[in-house]
Amino acid sequence: MKVLVSVASRHGSTAEIATALAASMRHHGAQVDVNAPEHVDEVDAYDVVVLGSAVYRSRWLRSAREFSDRHAAELRERDVYLFSSGPVASGGRSVNTCYDACAVAERIEAVEHRTFPGKLDPAVLGTGERMVVRMVGAPSGDFRDWDAIGAWGARIVARTTARERDLDGIGSAPARRGARR
């Protein structure tokens, strides 16, 4: 199984989630490429695509949104998993909303969307970003849950592997999206 993990990250925290996710998927037998959305020309070589974005001002970064628009037809033909990383509430919990991912998920018929708590380090933020953080009262710190990220990567591989096995077996269960159409 070949997987593309493509993540838009402004300050690197979401890219670190992509790296951990890819490591988990590799550990469970997948071949994984990690590339920023703006560096992906095509997705035809992949069985699964994981698309994620940092969230700023309740929006995905432009490069992730543009990626989903640019590759929408191809994405509908394979399993796609989406994730958002960003705002945290008190206690380090992720803010439970789907941001732009809801519209993307619907348009490309994504299998799932997850929201992971992010990391907020005021030292790497620009002046405008620091002002917004102060205005909304966002807590500083690293709230990423590495165990949850790794478990999700393992689940994606297991789910896809089970579908491929079903397709190779009796053929009664749907396999990849392309096989369902």
N, C-alpha and C. Protein backbone atom coordinates (compact mmCIF):
# COMPACT_ATOMS: atom_id res chain seq x y z
N MET A 1 0.84 -1.17 0.00
CA MET A 1 0.00 0.00 0.00
C MET A 1 0.89 1.24 0.00
N LYS A 2 0.56 2.18 -0.86
CA LYS A 2 1.34 3.41 -0.98
C LYS A 2 0.48 4.57 -0.50
N VAL A 3 1.04 5.38 0.40
CA VAL A 3 0.31 6.46 1.06
C VAL A 3 1.04 7.79 0.82
N LEU A 4 0.27 8.82 0.53
CA LEU A 4 0.78 10.19 0.49
C LEU A 4 0.25 10.92 1.71
N VAL A 5 1.15 11.51 2.47
CA VAL A 5 0.77 12.40 3.57
C VAL A 5 1.18 13.80 3.12
N SER A 6 0.18 14.66 2.94
CA SER A 6 0.44 16.02 2.47
C SER A 6 -0.17 16.99 3.46
N VAL A 7 0.68 17.85 4.04
CA VAL A 7 0.24 18.68 5.14
C VAL A 7 0.73 20.12 4.97
N ALA A 8 -0.20 21.05 5.17
CA ALA A 8 0.14 22.47 5.15
C ALA A 8 0.45 22.90 6.59
N SER A 9 1.64 23.45 6.77
CA SER A 9 2.10 23.83 8.11
C SER A 9 2.78 25.18 8.02
N ARG A 10 2.39 26.09 8.87
CA ARG A 10 2.97 27.43 8.83
C ARG A 10 4.28 27.52 9.61
N HIS A 11 4.30 26.96 10.82
CA HIS A 11 5.48 27.08 11.67
C HIS A 11 6.15 25.75 11.99
N GLY A 12 5.69 24.67 11.35
CA GLY A 12 6.35 23.37 11.49
C GLY A 12 5.70 22.38 12.43
N SER A 13 4.80 22.80 13.29
CA SER A 13 4.18 21.88 14.25
C SER A 13 3.31 20.84 13.56
N THR A 14 2.55 21.25 12.58
CA THR A 14 1.69 20.32 11.86
C THR A 14 2.53 19.40 10.98
N ALA A 15 3.63 19.91 10.45
CA ALA A 15 4.55 19.06 9.69
C ALA A 15 5.13 17.97 10.59
N GLU A 16 5.36 18.28 11.86
CA GLU A 16 5.85 17.27 12.80
C GLU A 16 4.79 16.19 13.04
N ILE A 17 3.52 16.58 13.03
CA ILE A 17 2.44 15.58 13.14
C ILE A 17 2.48 14.67 11.91
N ALA A 18 2.68 15.26 10.73
CA ALA A 18 2.76 14.46 9.50
C ALA A 18 3.90 13.46 9.57
N THR A 19 5.04 13.87 10.09
CA THR A 19 6.19 12.98 10.22
C THR A 19 5.89 11.83 11.16
N ALA A 20 5.24 12.12 12.29
CA ALA A 20 4.88 11.06 13.24
C ALA A 20 3.84 10.12 12.65
N LEU A 21 2.88 10.66 11.95
CA LEU A 21 1.86 9.85 11.30
C LEU A 21 2.48 8.92 10.26
N ALA A 22 3.38 9.47 9.45
CA ALA A 22 4.07 8.67 8.44
C ALA A 22 4.90 7.57 9.08
N ALA A 23 5.59 7.87 10.18
CA ALA A 23 6.40 6.87 10.87
C ALA A 23 5.53 5.72 11.37
N SER A 24 4.37 6.04 11.92
CA SER A 24 3.46 5.01 12.39
C SER A 24 2.98 4.14 11.23
N MET A 25 2.63 4.77 10.14
CA MET A 25 2.13 4.02 8.98
C MET A 25 3.23 3.13 8.39
N ARG A 26 4.45 3.64 8.35
CA ARG A 26 5.58 2.82 7.87
C ARG A 26 5.80 1.62 8.80
N HIS A 27 5.72 1.86 10.09
CA HIS A 27 5.89 0.80 11.08
C HIS A 27 4.87 -0.32 10.87
N HIS A 28 3.71 0.03 10.35
CA HIS A 28 2.65 -0.95 10.12
C HIS A 28 2.61 -1.44 8.67
N GLY A 29 3.68 -1.18 7.91
CA GLY A 29 3.83 -1.81 6.60
C GLY A 29 3.53 -0.97 5.38
N ALA A 30 3.15 0.27 5.54
CA ALA A 30 2.83 1.11 4.38
C ALA A 30 4.09 1.78 3.84
N GLN A 31 4.09 2.03 2.54
CA GLN A 31 5.11 2.88 1.92
C GLN A 31 4.52 4.29 1.96
N VAL A 32 5.26 5.23 2.53
CA VAL A 32 4.70 6.56 2.76
C VAL A 32 5.63 7.65 2.23
N ASP A 33 5.05 8.56 1.47
CA ASP A 33 5.74 9.78 1.05
C ASP A 33 5.11 10.95 1.79
N VAL A 34 5.93 11.89 2.22
CA VAL A 34 5.44 13.09 2.88
C VAL A 34 5.88 14.28 2.03
N ASN A 35 4.90 15.05 1.57
CA ASN A 35 5.19 16.23 0.76
C ASN A 35 4.21 17.34 1.07
N ALA A 36 4.68 18.56 1.04
CA ALA A 36 3.80 19.72 1.22
C ALA A 36 2.83 19.77 0.04
N PRO A 37 1.60 20.23 0.25
CA PRO A 37 0.60 20.25 -0.82
C PRO A 37 1.06 20.96 -2.10
N GLU A 38 1.80 22.02 -1.94
CA GLU A 38 2.23 22.77 -3.13
C GLU A 38 3.31 22.03 -3.93
N HIS A 39 3.87 20.95 -3.39
CA HIS A 39 4.90 20.18 -4.10
C HIS A 39 4.36 18.89 -4.69
N VAL A 40 3.05 18.68 -4.63
CA VAL A 40 2.44 17.46 -5.16
C VAL A 40 1.80 17.78 -6.51
N ASP A 41 2.31 17.12 -7.57
CA ASP A 41 1.76 17.33 -8.90
C ASP A 41 0.64 16.36 -9.24
N GLU A 42 0.69 15.14 -8.68
CA GLU A 42 -0.36 14.16 -8.95
C GLU A 42 -0.45 13.18 -7.79
N VAL A 43 -1.61 12.53 -7.70
CA VAL A 43 -1.83 11.57 -6.61
C VAL A 43 -2.13 10.17 -7.15
N ASP A 44 -2.03 9.98 -8.45
CA ASP A 44 -2.37 8.70 -9.08
C ASP A 44 -1.58 7.52 -8.55
N ALA A 45 -0.37 7.71 -8.09
CA ALA A 45 0.47 6.61 -7.63
C ALA A 45 0.12 6.12 -6.22
N TYR A 46 -0.85 6.78 -5.56
CA TYR A 46 -1.15 6.47 -4.17
C TYR A 46 -2.49 5.78 -4.00
N ASP A 47 -2.52 4.82 -3.08
CA ASP A 47 -3.75 4.15 -2.71
C ASP A 47 -4.54 4.97 -1.70
N VAL A 48 -3.82 5.67 -0.84
CA VAL A 48 -4.42 6.45 0.25
C VAL A 48 -3.74 7.81 0.28
N VAL A 49 -4.53 8.84 0.56
CA VAL A 49 -3.99 10.19 0.74
C VAL A 49 -4.47 10.70 2.10
N VAL A 50 -3.53 11.21 2.87
CA VAL A 50 -3.85 11.89 4.13
C VAL A 50 -3.51 13.37 3.90
N LEU A 51 -4.52 14.21 4.03
CA LEU A 51 -4.35 15.65 3.82
C LEU A 51 -4.66 16.35 5.13
N GLY A 52 -3.73 17.18 5.56
CA GLY A 52 -3.94 17.90 6.81
C GLY A 52 -3.53 19.35 6.69
N SER A 53 -3.96 20.11 7.67
CA SER A 53 -3.60 21.52 7.69
C SER A 53 -3.62 22.05 9.12
N ALA A 54 -2.72 22.98 9.35
CA ALA A 54 -2.81 23.80 10.55
C ALA A 54 -4.04 24.68 10.38
N VAL A 55 -4.61 25.10 11.48
CA VAL A 55 -5.79 25.96 11.46
C VAL A 55 -5.43 27.31 12.05
N TYR A 56 -5.69 28.35 11.29
CA TYR A 56 -5.47 29.72 11.73
C TYR A 56 -6.74 30.51 11.47
N ARG A 57 -7.21 31.20 12.48
CA ARG A 57 -8.44 31.98 12.37
C ARG A 57 -9.59 31.12 11.85
N SER A 58 -9.65 29.91 12.35
CA SER A 58 -10.70 28.93 12.02
C SER A 58 -10.69 28.49 10.56
N ARG A 59 -9.53 28.56 9.91
CA ARG A 59 -9.44 28.16 8.50
C ARG A 59 -8.22 27.30 8.27
N TRP A 60 -8.35 26.38 7.33
CA TRP A 60 -7.20 25.64 6.84
C TRP A 60 -6.29 26.59 6.07
N LEU A 61 -5.01 26.25 5.96
CA LEU A 61 -4.10 27.05 5.16
C LEU A 61 -4.44 26.89 3.68
N ARG A 62 -4.18 27.93 2.93
CA ARG A 62 -4.55 27.98 1.52
C ARG A 62 -4.00 26.80 0.71
N SER A 63 -2.75 26.40 0.96
CA SER A 63 -2.16 25.34 0.14
C SER A 63 -2.92 24.02 0.29
N ALA A 64 -3.46 23.73 1.46
CA ALA A 64 -4.26 22.50 1.65
C ALA A 64 -5.59 22.61 0.92
N ARG A 65 -6.23 23.76 1.02
CA ARG A 65 -7.50 23.96 0.31
C ARG A 65 -7.30 23.87 -1.20
N GLU A 66 -6.23 24.49 -1.69
CA GLU A 66 -5.96 24.44 -3.13
C GLU A 66 -5.62 23.03 -3.60
N PHE A 67 -4.90 22.28 -2.76
CA PHE A 67 -4.58 20.89 -3.08
C PHE A 67 -5.87 20.10 -3.30
N SER A 68 -6.83 20.24 -2.38
CA SER A 68 -8.08 19.49 -2.49
C SER A 68 -8.86 19.90 -3.74
N ASP A 69 -8.81 21.16 -4.12
CA ASP A 69 -9.48 21.61 -5.34
C ASP A 69 -8.78 21.06 -6.59
N ARG A 70 -7.47 21.16 -6.59
CA ARG A 70 -6.66 20.76 -7.75
C ARG A 70 -6.78 19.26 -8.04
N HIS A 71 -6.89 18.44 -7.00
CA HIS A 71 -6.89 16.98 -7.17
C HIS A 71 -8.23 16.34 -6.83
N ALA A 72 -9.30 17.10 -6.80
CA ALA A 72 -10.60 16.59 -6.32
C ALA A 72 -11.04 15.32 -7.03
N ALA A 73 -10.98 15.28 -8.34
CA ALA A 73 -11.44 14.10 -9.08
C ALA A 73 -10.63 12.86 -8.71
N GLU A 74 -9.32 13.00 -8.64
CA GLU A 74 -8.46 11.86 -8.30
C GLU A 74 -8.66 11.44 -6.85
N LEU A 75 -8.87 12.39 -5.97
CA LEU A 75 -9.06 12.07 -4.55
C LEU A 75 -10.34 11.27 -4.33
N ARG A 76 -11.37 11.55 -5.12
CA ARG A 76 -12.62 10.80 -4.98
C ARG A 76 -12.46 9.33 -5.36
N GLU A 77 -11.38 8.99 -6.04
CA GLU A 77 -11.14 7.61 -6.49
C GLU A 77 -10.28 6.81 -5.52
N ARG A 78 -9.94 7.36 -4.39
CA ARG A 78 -9.11 6.64 -3.41
C ARG A 78 -9.56 7.04 -2.01
N ASP A 79 -9.09 6.31 -1.04
CA ASP A 79 -9.41 6.66 0.35
C ASP A 79 -8.60 7.89 0.76
N VAL A 80 -9.30 8.86 1.30
CA VAL A 80 -8.67 10.10 1.75
C VAL A 80 -9.07 10.34 3.20
N TYR A 81 -8.08 10.65 4.00
CA TYR A 81 -8.27 10.97 5.41
C TYR A 81 -7.80 12.40 5.61
N LEU A 82 -8.57 13.18 6.35
CA LEU A 82 -8.24 14.58 6.60
C LEU A 82 -7.98 14.79 8.08
N PHE A 83 -7.07 15.73 8.36
CA PHE A 83 -6.93 16.15 9.76
C PHE A 83 -6.61 17.62 9.85
N SER A 84 -7.05 18.18 10.95
CA SER A 84 -6.78 19.58 11.29
C SER A 84 -5.96 19.59 12.56
N SER A 85 -5.07 20.55 12.66
CA SER A 85 -4.27 20.72 13.86
C SER A 85 -4.33 22.19 14.24
N GLY A 86 -4.65 22.43 15.48
CA GLY A 86 -4.67 23.83 15.82
C GLY A 86 -5.26 24.16 17.16
N PRO A 87 -6.25 25.01 17.12
CA PRO A 87 -6.74 25.63 18.35
C PRO A 87 -6.99 24.63 19.47
N VAL A 88 -6.64 25.06 20.66
CA VAL A 88 -6.85 24.23 21.84
C VAL A 88 -7.72 25.00 22.82
N ALA A 89 -8.53 24.25 23.53
CA ALA A 89 -9.37 24.84 24.58
C ALA A 89 -8.66 24.64 25.91
N SER A 90 -9.30 25.05 26.96
CA SER A 90 -8.70 24.87 28.28
C SER A 90 -8.41 23.39 28.52
N GLY A 91 -7.33 23.12 29.18
CA GLY A 91 -6.95 21.74 29.46
C GLY A 91 -6.24 21.07 28.30
N GLY A 92 -5.97 21.79 27.22
CA GLY A 92 -5.24 21.22 26.09
C GLY A 92 -6.10 20.40 25.15
N ARG A 93 -7.42 20.43 25.30
CA ARG A 93 -8.30 19.70 24.39
C ARG A 93 -8.39 20.45 23.07
N SER A 94 -8.56 19.70 21.98
CA SER A 94 -8.73 20.37 20.69
C SER A 94 -10.12 20.98 20.64
N VAL A 95 -10.22 22.08 19.92
CA VAL A 95 -11.51 22.71 19.71
C VAL A 95 -12.27 21.83 18.73
N ASN A 96 -13.46 21.43 19.09
CA ASN A 96 -14.20 20.45 18.31
C ASN A 96 -15.01 21.12 17.19
N THR A 97 -14.36 21.34 16.08
CA THR A 97 -15.02 21.87 14.89
C THR A 97 -14.26 21.35 13.68
N CYS A 98 -14.89 21.37 12.52
CA CYS A 98 -14.21 20.77 11.36
C CYS A 98 -13.59 21.81 10.43
N TYR A 99 -13.75 23.09 10.71
CA TYR A 99 -13.11 24.13 9.92
C TYR A 99 -13.46 23.95 8.44
N ASP A 100 -12.52 24.22 7.56
CA ASP A 100 -12.73 24.04 6.12
C ASP A 100 -12.79 22.57 5.74
N ALA A 101 -12.36 21.71 6.63
CA ALA A 101 -12.30 20.29 6.32
C ALA A 101 -13.69 19.71 6.02
N CYS A 102 -14.74 20.25 6.59
CA CYS A 102 -16.09 19.72 6.31
C CYS A 102 -16.43 19.87 4.84
N ALA A 103 -16.18 21.04 4.29
CA ALA A 103 -16.46 21.26 2.87
C ALA A 103 -15.56 20.40 2.00
N VAL A 104 -14.28 20.30 2.37
CA VAL A 104 -13.34 19.47 1.62
C VAL A 104 -13.78 18.01 1.69
N ALA A 105 -14.10 17.53 2.88
CA ALA A 105 -14.51 16.14 3.07
C ALA A 105 -15.71 15.79 2.21
N GLU A 106 -16.66 16.68 2.16
CA GLU A 106 -17.85 16.43 1.35
C GLU A 106 -17.51 16.41 -0.14
N ARG A 107 -16.73 17.36 -0.58
CA ARG A 107 -16.39 17.48 -2.00
C ARG A 107 -15.59 16.28 -2.51
N ILE A 108 -14.67 15.76 -1.70
CA ILE A 108 -13.82 14.66 -2.16
C ILE A 108 -14.23 13.31 -1.58
N GLU A 109 -15.34 13.32 -0.81
CA GLU A 109 -15.87 12.08 -0.22
C GLU A 109 -14.82 11.40 0.68
N ALA A 110 -14.24 12.19 1.57
CA ALA A 110 -13.22 11.67 2.48
C ALA A 110 -13.80 10.62 3.42
N VAL A 111 -12.96 9.69 3.81
CA VAL A 111 -13.35 8.64 4.74
C VAL A 111 -13.57 9.20 6.13
N GLU A 112 -12.70 10.13 6.55
CA GLU A 112 -12.73 10.59 7.93
C GLU A 112 -11.99 11.92 8.07
N HIS A 113 -12.39 12.70 9.06
CA HIS A 113 -11.66 13.90 9.45
C HIS A 113 -11.39 13.83 10.94
N ARG A 114 -10.15 14.11 11.34
CA ARG A 114 -9.77 14.15 12.76
C ARG A 114 -9.23 15.53 13.07
N THR A 115 -9.46 15.97 14.29
CA THR A 115 -8.84 17.20 14.77
C THR A 115 -7.89 16.83 15.90
N PHE A 116 -6.64 17.24 15.75
CA PHE A 116 -5.64 17.00 16.79
C PHE A 116 -5.27 18.33 17.44
N PRO A 117 -5.11 18.33 18.75
CA PRO A 117 -4.61 19.54 19.39
C PRO A 117 -3.23 19.87 18.83
N GLY A 118 -2.91 21.13 18.78
CA GLY A 118 -1.65 21.55 18.20
C GLY A 118 -0.65 22.04 19.23
N LYS A 119 0.24 22.84 18.73
CA LYS A 119 1.28 23.44 19.56
C LYS A 119 1.24 24.94 19.30
N LEU A 120 1.29 25.69 20.36
CA LEU A 120 1.30 27.14 20.23
C LEU A 120 2.52 27.68 20.96
N ASP A 121 3.48 28.15 20.18
CA ASP A 121 4.72 28.71 20.71
C ASP A 121 4.77 30.18 20.29
N PRO A 122 4.46 31.11 21.19
CA PRO A 122 4.44 32.53 20.84
C PRO A 122 5.75 33.04 20.26
N ALA A 123 6.86 32.38 20.58
CA ALA A 123 8.17 32.83 20.10
C ALA A 123 8.30 32.73 18.58
N VAL A 124 7.53 31.83 17.94
CA VAL A 124 7.65 31.67 16.48
C VAL A 124 6.57 32.43 15.72
N LEU A 125 5.66 33.06 16.43
CA LEU A 125 4.56 33.76 15.79
C LEU A 125 4.95 35.17 15.38
N GLY A 126 4.32 35.64 14.33
CA GLY A 126 4.49 37.03 13.92
C GLY A 126 3.69 37.94 14.82
N THR A 127 3.88 39.23 14.69
CA THR A 127 3.20 40.20 15.54
C THR A 127 1.68 40.08 15.46
N GLY A 128 1.15 39.99 14.25
CA GLY A 128 -0.30 39.86 14.08
C GLY A 128 -0.84 38.58 14.69
N GLU A 129 -0.10 37.50 14.54
CA GLU A 129 -0.52 36.21 15.11
C GLU A 129 -0.53 36.27 16.64
N ARG A 130 0.48 36.90 17.21
CA ARG A 130 0.53 37.03 18.68
C ARG A 130 -0.64 37.86 19.19
N MET A 131 -1.03 38.88 18.43
CA MET A 131 -2.18 39.71 18.83
C MET A 131 -3.46 38.86 18.82
N VAL A 132 -3.64 38.07 17.79
CA VAL A 132 -4.83 37.22 17.70
C VAL A 132 -4.86 36.23 18.86
N VAL A 133 -3.71 35.62 19.15
CA VAL A 133 -3.61 34.65 20.25
C VAL A 133 -4.02 35.31 21.56
N ARG A 134 -3.55 36.53 21.79
CA ARG A 134 -3.91 37.24 23.02
C ARG A 134 -5.40 37.57 23.05
N MET A 135 -5.94 37.99 21.91
CA MET A 135 -7.36 38.37 21.85
C MET A 135 -8.27 37.19 22.14
N VAL A 136 -7.93 36.01 21.62
CA VAL A 136 -8.80 34.85 21.82
C VAL A 136 -8.44 34.07 23.08
N GLY A 137 -7.35 34.42 23.70
CA GLY A 137 -6.95 33.76 24.94
C GLY A 137 -6.48 32.33 24.76
N ALA A 138 -5.89 32.03 23.62
CA ALA A 138 -5.41 30.67 23.35
C ALA A 138 -4.23 30.35 24.26
N PRO A 139 -4.23 29.17 24.87
CA PRO A 139 -3.13 28.79 25.76
C PRO A 139 -1.87 28.40 24.98
N SER A 140 -0.72 28.78 25.50
CA SER A 140 0.55 28.40 24.90
C SER A 140 0.94 27.01 25.40
N GLY A 141 1.69 26.29 24.56
CA GLY A 141 2.18 24.98 24.96
C GLY A 141 2.08 23.98 23.82
N ASP A 142 2.58 22.80 24.07
CA ASP A 142 2.53 21.71 23.11
C ASP A 142 1.48 20.72 23.59
N PHE A 143 0.36 20.65 22.89
CA PHE A 143 -0.77 19.81 23.29
C PHE A 143 -0.94 18.60 22.37
N ARG A 144 0.02 18.37 21.49
CA ARG A 144 -0.10 17.26 20.55
C ARG A 144 -0.07 15.93 21.30
N ASP A 145 -0.92 15.03 20.91
CA ASP A 145 -1.04 13.71 21.53
C ASP A 145 -0.41 12.69 20.59
N TRP A 146 0.86 12.40 20.80
CA TRP A 146 1.62 11.53 19.89
C TRP A 146 1.05 10.12 19.85
N ASP A 147 0.54 9.64 20.97
CA ASP A 147 -0.06 8.29 20.98
C ASP A 147 -1.30 8.24 20.09
N ALA A 148 -2.15 9.26 20.18
CA ALA A 148 -3.36 9.30 19.35
C ALA A 148 -3.00 9.41 17.87
N ILE A 149 -1.98 10.19 17.56
CA ILE A 149 -1.54 10.34 16.17
C ILE A 149 -1.02 9.01 15.63
N GLY A 150 -0.18 8.33 16.40
CA GLY A 150 0.34 7.02 15.99
C GLY A 150 -0.76 5.98 15.83
N ALA A 151 -1.72 5.99 16.76
CA ALA A 151 -2.83 5.03 16.69
C ALA A 151 -3.68 5.27 15.46
N TRP A 152 -3.89 6.54 15.10
CA TRP A 152 -4.67 6.84 13.90
C TRP A 152 -3.95 6.34 12.65
N GLY A 153 -2.64 6.54 12.59
CA GLY A 153 -1.87 6.02 11.46
C GLY A 153 -2.00 4.50 11.34
N ALA A 154 -1.91 3.81 12.47
CA ALA A 154 -2.06 2.35 12.47
C ALA A 154 -3.45 1.95 12.00
N ARG A 155 -4.47 2.70 12.43
CA ARG A 155 -5.84 2.39 12.04
C ARG A 155 -6.07 2.59 10.55
N ILE A 156 -5.48 3.63 9.98
CA ILE A 156 -5.61 3.86 8.54
C ILE A 156 -5.02 2.68 7.77
N VAL A 157 -3.83 2.24 8.16
CA VAL A 157 -3.19 1.11 7.49
C VAL A 157 -4.03 -0.16 7.65
N ALA A 158 -4.50 -0.43 8.85
CA ALA A 158 -5.30 -1.64 9.09
C ALA A 158 -6.58 -1.63 8.28
N ARG A 159 -7.24 -0.50 8.23
CA ARG A 159 -8.50 -0.38 7.48
C ARG A 159 -8.27 -0.63 5.99
N THR A 160 -7.22 -0.02 5.45
CA THR A 160 -6.93 -0.17 4.02
C THR A 160 -6.49 -1.59 3.70
N THR A 161 -5.67 -2.16 4.55
CA THR A 161 -5.21 -3.54 4.35
C THR A 161 -6.39 -4.50 4.37
N ALA A 162 -7.33 -4.30 5.29
CA ALA A 162 -8.52 -5.16 5.37
C ALA A 162 -9.35 -5.05 4.10
N ARG A 163 -9.51 -3.86 3.58
CA ARG A 163 -10.28 -3.68 2.33
C ARG A 163 -9.58 -4.37 1.16
N GLU A 164 -8.26 -4.24 1.09
CA GLU A 164 -7.52 -4.89 0.01
C GLU A 164 -7.66 -6.41 0.12
N ARG A 165 -7.61 -6.94 1.34
CA ARG A 165 -7.78 -8.38 1.55
C ARG A 165 -9.16 -8.83 1.11
N ASP A 166 -10.18 -8.03 1.45
CA ASP A 166 -11.55 -8.36 1.05
C ASP A 166 -11.69 -8.40 -0.47
N LEU A 167 -11.04 -7.46 -1.14
CA LEU A 167 -11.11 -7.42 -2.59
C LEU A 167 -10.42 -8.63 -3.20
N ASP A 168 -9.29 -9.03 -2.64
CA ASP A 168 -8.57 -10.18 -3.15
C ASP A 168 -9.27 -11.49 -2.83
N GLY A 169 -10.09 -11.49 -1.78
CA GLY A 169 -10.79 -12.71 -1.35
C GLY A 169 -12.05 -12.92 -2.14
N ILE A 170 -13.16 -12.91 -1.45
CA ILE A 170 -14.43 -13.24 -2.08
C ILE A 170 -15.03 -12.09 -2.88
N GLY A 171 -14.54 -10.91 -2.67
CA GLY A 171 -15.00 -9.78 -3.46
C GLY A 171 -16.34 -9.21 -3.03
N SER A 172 -16.88 -9.66 -1.92
CA SER A 172 -18.19 -9.17 -1.52
C SER A 172 -18.13 -7.83 -0.80
N ALA A 173 -17.02 -7.54 -0.17
CA ALA A 173 -16.89 -6.27 0.55
C ALA A 173 -16.19 -5.26 -0.34
N PRO A 174 -16.55 -4.00 -0.22
CA PRO A 174 -15.88 -2.99 -1.04
C PRO A 174 -14.41 -2.87 -0.66
N ALA A 175 -13.60 -2.60 -1.64
CA ALA A 175 -12.17 -2.43 -1.38
C ALA A 175 -11.85 -0.95 -1.43
N ARG A 176 -11.12 -0.53 -2.43
CA ARG A 176 -10.81 0.89 -2.56
C ARG A 176 -11.97 1.63 -3.16
N ARG A 177 -11.92 2.92 -3.02
CA ARG A 177 -13.00 3.75 -3.57
C ARG A 177 -13.18 3.49 -5.05
N GLY A 178 -12.11 3.37 -5.80
CA GLY A 178 -12.23 3.14 -7.23
C GLY A 178 -12.98 1.86 -7.54
N ALA A 179 -12.88 0.87 -6.66
CA ALA A 179 -13.55 -0.41 -6.87
C ALA A 179 -15.04 -0.31 -6.55
N ARG A 180 -15.44 0.73 -5.81
CA ARG A 180 -16.84 0.87 -5.42
C ARG A 180 -17.65 1.55 -6.50
N ARG A 181 -17.01 2.17 -7.43
CA ARG A 181 -17.75 2.97 -8.42
C ARG A 181 -18.02 2.20 -9.67
